Every structure is written in C-alpha cells, then in structure tokens.
C-alpha cells in the first residue's frame, strides 16, 4: 500500500510538471511570434 501511495504522489507531481512546462513553452512561443510580428511586419 505504501508503494501505491508513493507512486500516486509521484504521478501527480509529474503531471503538474508536465502542465507547467507545456504552459511555459506555449506562452514562450506565443510571445516570440508576437515579438517577431512587431519587429518584421513586412514578412506577412
């Protein structure tokens, strides 16, 4: 039983890490695209 609770707590921690990293990557890509559009509007 101790193994199962430990496994579940690590699984929850892993899911939280994945969500935070995914949000950070998505925000970074969005900000980068916005910055590129401001810098080089003639490209589009």
PDB file of N, CA and C in Angstrom:
ATOM      1  N   UNK A   1       0.828  -1.204   0.000  1.00  0.00           N
ATOM      2  CA  UNK A   1       0.000   0.000   0.000  1.00  0.00           C
ATOM      3  C   UNK A   1       0.865   1.257   0.000  1.00  0.00           C
ATOM      4  N   UNK A   2       1.988   1.195   0.700  1.00  0.00           N
ATOM      5  CA  UNK A   2       2.873   2.366   0.742  1.00  0.00           C
ATOM      6  C   UNK A   2       3.437   2.653  -0.649  1.00  0.00           C
ATOM      7  N   UNK A   3       3.729   1.582  -1.386  1.00  0.00           N
ATOM      8  CA  UNK A   3       4.246   1.779  -2.748  1.00  0.00           C
ATOM      9  C   UNK A   3       3.210   2.466  -3.627  1.00  0.00           C
ATOM     10  N   UNK A   4       1.963   2.058  -3.472  1.00  0.00           N
ATOM     11  CA  UNK A   4       0.903   2.623  -4.308  1.00  0.00           C
ATOM     12  C   UNK A   4       0.714   4.108  -4.018  1.00  0.00           C
ATOM     13  N   UNK A   5       0.693   4.499  -2.758  1.00  0.00           N
ATOM     14  CA  UNK A   5       0.502   5.919  -2.425  1.00  0.00           C
ATOM     15  C   UNK A   5       1.704   6.741  -2.877  1.00  0.00           C
ATOM     16  N   UNK A   6       2.891   6.177  -2.745  1.00  0.00           N
ATOM     17  CA  UNK A   6       4.094   6.860  -3.217  1.00  0.00           C
ATOM     18  C   UNK A   6       4.041   7.032  -4.730  1.00  0.00           C
ATOM     19  N   UNK A   7       3.632   5.991  -5.432  1.00  0.00           N
ATOM     20  CA  UNK A   7       3.525   6.048  -6.889  1.00  0.00           C
ATOM     21  C   UNK A   7       2.518   7.098  -7.321  1.00  0.00           C
ATOM     22  N   UNK A   8       1.378   7.152  -6.646  1.00  0.00           N
ATOM     23  CA  UNK A   8       0.336   8.125  -6.998  1.00  0.00           C
ATOM     24  C   UNK A   8       0.826   9.540  -6.751  1.00  0.00           C
ATOM     25  N   UNK A   9       1.533   9.776  -5.651  1.00  0.00           N
ATOM     26  CA  UNK A   9       2.022  11.132  -5.366  1.00  0.00           C
ATOM     27  C   UNK A   9       3.058  11.551  -6.400  1.00  0.00           C
ATOM     28  N   UNK A  10       3.925  10.627  -6.822  1.00  0.00           N
ATOM     29  CA  UNK A  10       4.892  10.955  -7.869  1.00  0.00           C
ATOM     30  C   UNK A  10       4.199  11.194  -9.209  1.00  0.00           C
ATOM     31  N   UNK A  11       3.149  10.446  -9.480  1.00  0.00           N
ATOM     32  CA  UNK A  11       2.396  10.624 -10.717  1.00  0.00           C
ATOM     33  C   UNK A  11       1.752  12.008 -10.756  1.00  0.00           C
ATOM     34  N   UNK A  12       1.163  12.433  -9.643  1.00  0.00           N
ATOM     35  CA  UNK A  12       0.552  13.764  -9.571  1.00  0.00           C
ATOM     36  C   UNK A  12       1.620  14.837  -9.761  1.00  0.00           C
ATOM     37  N   UNK A  13       2.768  14.671  -9.123  1.00  0.00           N
ATOM     38  CA  UNK A  13       3.870  15.618  -9.264  1.00  0.00           C
ATOM     39  C   UNK A  13       4.323  15.696 -10.722  1.00  0.00           C
ATOM     40  N   UNK A  14       4.434  14.538 -11.378  1.00  0.00           N
ATOM     41  CA  UNK A  14       4.850  14.505 -12.780  1.00  0.00           C
ATOM     42  C   UNK A  14       3.838  15.227 -13.666  1.00  0.00           C
ATOM     43  N   UNK A  15       2.548  15.006 -13.413  1.00  0.00           N
ATOM     44  CA  UNK A  15       1.502  15.663 -14.198  1.00  0.00           C
ATOM     45  C   UNK A  15       1.585  17.179 -14.019  1.00  0.00           C
ATOM     46  N   UNK A  16       1.820  17.637 -12.792  1.00  0.00           N
ATOM     47  CA  UNK A  16       1.938  19.078 -12.534  1.00  0.00           C
ATOM     48  C   UNK A  16       3.132  19.644 -13.301  1.00  0.00           C
ATOM     49  N   UNK A  17       4.271  18.939 -13.277  1.00  0.00           N
ATOM     50  CA  UNK A  17       5.445  19.392 -14.021  1.00  0.00           C
ATOM     51  C   UNK A  17       5.140  19.490 -15.507  1.00  0.00           C
ATOM     52  N   UNK A  18       4.462  18.494 -16.057  1.00  0.00           N
ATOM     53  CA  UNK A  18       4.144  18.491 -17.487  1.00  0.00           C
ATOM     54  C   UNK A  18       3.249  19.673 -17.833  1.00  0.00           C
ATOM     55  N   UNK A  19       2.250  19.945 -16.991  1.00  0.00           N
ATOM     56  CA  UNK A  19       1.335  21.066 -17.252  1.00  0.00           C
ATOM     57  C   UNK A  19       2.093  22.388 -17.212  1.00  0.00           C
ATOM     58  N   UNK A  20       2.953  22.582 -16.205  1.00  0.00           N
ATOM     59  CA  UNK A  20       3.697  23.836 -16.075  1.00  0.00           C
ATOM     60  C   UNK A  20       4.653  24.014 -17.259  1.00  0.00           C
ATOM     61  N   UNK A  21       5.350  22.958 -17.640  1.00  0.00           N
ATOM     62  CA  UNK A  21       6.294  23.058 -18.751  1.00  0.00           C
ATOM     63  C   UNK A  21       5.550  23.325 -20.060  1.00  0.00           C
ATOM     64  N   UNK A  22       4.441  22.653 -20.273  1.00  0.00           N
ATOM     65  CA  UNK A  22       3.665  22.870 -21.501  1.00  0.00           C
ATOM     66  C   UNK A  22       3.157  24.308 -21.567  1.00  0.00           C
ATOM     67  N   UNK A  23       2.661  24.825 -20.454  1.00  0.00           N
ATOM     68  CA  UNK A  23       2.186  26.210 -20.428  1.00  0.00           C
ATOM     69  C   UNK A  23       3.334  27.175 -20.713  1.00  0.00           C
ATOM     70  N   UNK A  24       4.495  26.926 -20.127  1.00  0.00           N
ATOM     71  CA  UNK A  24       5.643  27.793 -20.356  1.00  0.00           C
ATOM     72  C   UNK A  24       6.084  27.789 -21.808  1.00  0.00           C
ATOM     73  N   UNK A  25       6.122  26.614 -22.429  1.00  0.00           N
ATOM     74  CA  UNK A  25       6.520  26.524 -23.835  1.00  0.00           C
ATOM     75  C   UNK A  25       5.501  27.241 -24.712  1.00  0.00           C
ATOM     76  N   UNK A  26       4.217  27.034 -24.435  1.00  0.00           N
ATOM     77  CA  UNK A  26       3.169  27.658 -25.242  1.00  0.00           C
ATOM     78  C   UNK A  26       3.232  29.179 -25.128  1.00  0.00           C
ATOM     79  N   UNK A  27       3.403  29.691 -23.895  1.00  0.00           N
ATOM     80  CA  UNK A  27       3.490  31.141 -23.696  1.00  0.00           C
ATOM     81  C   UNK A  27       4.737  31.688 -24.377  1.00  0.00           C
ATOM     82  N   UNK A  28       5.841  30.975 -24.265  1.00  0.00           N
ATOM     83  CA  UNK A  28       7.075  31.427 -24.907  1.00  0.00           C
ATOM     84  C   UNK A  28       6.941  31.504 -26.416  1.00  0.00           C
ATOM     85  N   UNK A  29       6.320  30.504 -27.029  1.00  0.00           N
ATOM     86  CA  UNK A  29       6.132  30.516 -28.479  1.00  0.00           C
ATOM     87  C   UNK A  29       5.210  31.663 -28.879  1.00  0.00           C
ATOM     88  N   UNK A  30       4.140  31.871 -28.118  1.00  0.00           N
ATOM     89  CA  UNK A  30       3.190  32.946 -28.434  1.00  0.00           C
ATOM     90  C   UNK A  30       3.870  34.302 -28.353  1.00  0.00           C
ATOM     91  N   UNK A  31       4.630  34.533 -27.273  1.00  0.00           N
ATOM     92  CA  UNK A  31       5.313  35.819 -27.130  1.00  0.00           C
ATOM     93  C   UNK A  31       6.345  36.014 -28.231  1.00  0.00           C
ATOM     94  N   UNK A  32       7.032  34.949 -28.609  1.00  0.00           N
ATOM     95  CA  UNK A  32       8.042  35.048 -29.653  1.00  0.00           C
ATOM     96  C   UNK A  32       7.398  35.419 -30.993  1.00  0.00           C
ATOM     97  N   UNK A  33       6.271  34.797 -31.309  1.00  0.00           N
ATOM     98  CA  UNK A  33       5.579  35.117 -32.565  1.00  0.00           C
ATOM     99  C   UNK A  33       5.114  36.566 -32.560  1.00  0.00           C
ATOM    100  N   UNK A  34       4.602  37.026 -31.415  1.00  0.00           N
ATOM    101  CA  UNK A  34       4.138  38.402 -31.313  1.00  0.00           C
ATOM    102  C   UNK A  34       5.305  39.370 -31.500  1.00  0.00           C
ATOM    103  N   UNK A  35       6.447  39.057 -30.875  1.00  0.00           N
ATOM    104  CA  UNK A  35       7.625  39.911 -30.992  1.00  0.00           C
ATOM    105  C   UNK A  35       8.126  39.937 -32.431  1.00  0.00           C
ATOM    106  N   UNK A  36       8.124  38.784 -33.090  1.00  0.00           N
ATOM    107  CA  UNK A  36       8.564  38.729 -34.482  1.00  0.00           C
ATOM    108  C   UNK A  36       7.631  39.530 -35.385  1.00  0.00           C
ATOM    109  N   UNK A  37       6.336  39.506 -35.106  1.00  0.00           N
ATOM    110  CA  UNK A  37       5.385  40.257 -35.921  1.00  0.00           C
ATOM    111  C   UNK A  37       5.572  41.757 -35.738  1.00  0.00           C
ATOM    112  N   UNK A  38       5.893  42.186 -34.525  1.00  0.00           N
ATOM    113  CA  UNK A  38       6.136  43.608 -34.292  1.00  0.00           C
ATOM    114  C   UNK A  38       7.421  44.055 -34.975  1.00  0.00           C
ATOM    115  N   UNK A  39       8.435  43.192 -34.945  1.00  0.00           N
ATOM    116  CA  UNK A  39       9.740  43.547 -35.490  1.00  0.00           C
ATOM    117  C   UNK A  39       9.715  43.547 -37.013  1.00  0.00           C
ATOM    118  N   UNK A  40       9.121  42.515 -37.607  1.00  0.00           N
ATOM    119  CA  UNK A  40       9.139  42.355 -39.057  1.00  0.00           C
ATOM    120  C   UNK A  40       7.717  42.229 -39.605  1.00  0.00           C
ATOM    121  N   UNK A  41       6.961  43.298 -39.598  1.00  0.00           N
ATOM    122  CA  UNK A  41       5.567  43.186 -40.091  1.00  0.00           C
ATOM    123  C   UNK A  41       5.496  42.986 -41.601  1.00  0.00           C
ATOM    124  N   UNK A  42       6.565  43.348 -42.329  1.00  0.00           N
ATOM    125  CA  UNK A  42       6.509  43.234 -43.792  1.00  0.00           C
ATOM    126  C   UNK A  42       6.649  41.794 -44.262  1.00  0.00           C
ATOM    127  N   UNK A  43       7.038  40.875 -43.349  1.00  0.00           N
ATOM    128  CA  UNK A  43       7.209  39.466 -43.737  1.00  0.00           C
ATOM    129  C   UNK A  43       5.873  38.822 -44.094  1.00  0.00           C
ATOM    130  N   UNK A  44       4.809  39.178 -43.372  1.00  0.00           N
ATOM    131  CA  UNK A  44       3.497  38.535 -43.582  1.00  0.00           C
ATOM    132  C   UNK A  44       2.822  39.054 -44.830  1.00  0.00           C
TER     133      UNK A  44
END
